[in-house]
């Protein structure tokens, strides 16, 4: 084989490897690496064993789920239509106002681990607006993950049933 043929063969081979989708040459990111970043909630729906469906945060939920590379996370969900308090002082609220906020929001943070094989993310809350989450393995099964969309199922909902949440990656 002459030099020109060898160079041509090498160039064609390199181009072939570069164009192969999911080429063995390219490293696939781990599930944990793909999660890292800020995600905003698109939908949140709880389905109970009897088939009832519940949107705790309404049809247009607000919220964020942030994963960092060191294994820390923060989550916050809220209804878009939360009522404002009559008082400007958060220490002077009515029982009805407190009930609406407690039922229409949740926030928690802590550490997370990812089981790559089962696609399960385990959240361990250090603090939560619903203290019953603290000290409990809160498991989320990833059902779909792309560059711009995350779908997971909360299989350990303390209130029963399964919770299905869809996120989009924040810009």
Foldseek 3Di string as FASTA:
>chain_A
DDPVVVVVVVVVVVVVQVPDVVRPVDDDDFPLVLQAAKWWWAAKWFAAPVGDIDGLQDNGKTWMWHAHPVFKIKIKIFHPPQDDAPDPDPVDGDPVSVVSGLSGMKIFIDGWDADRVQQKIWGATPDMPPRVSHPDTFIWHWPDGDNFKTWIKGPPPPVHGIMIIIITGDD
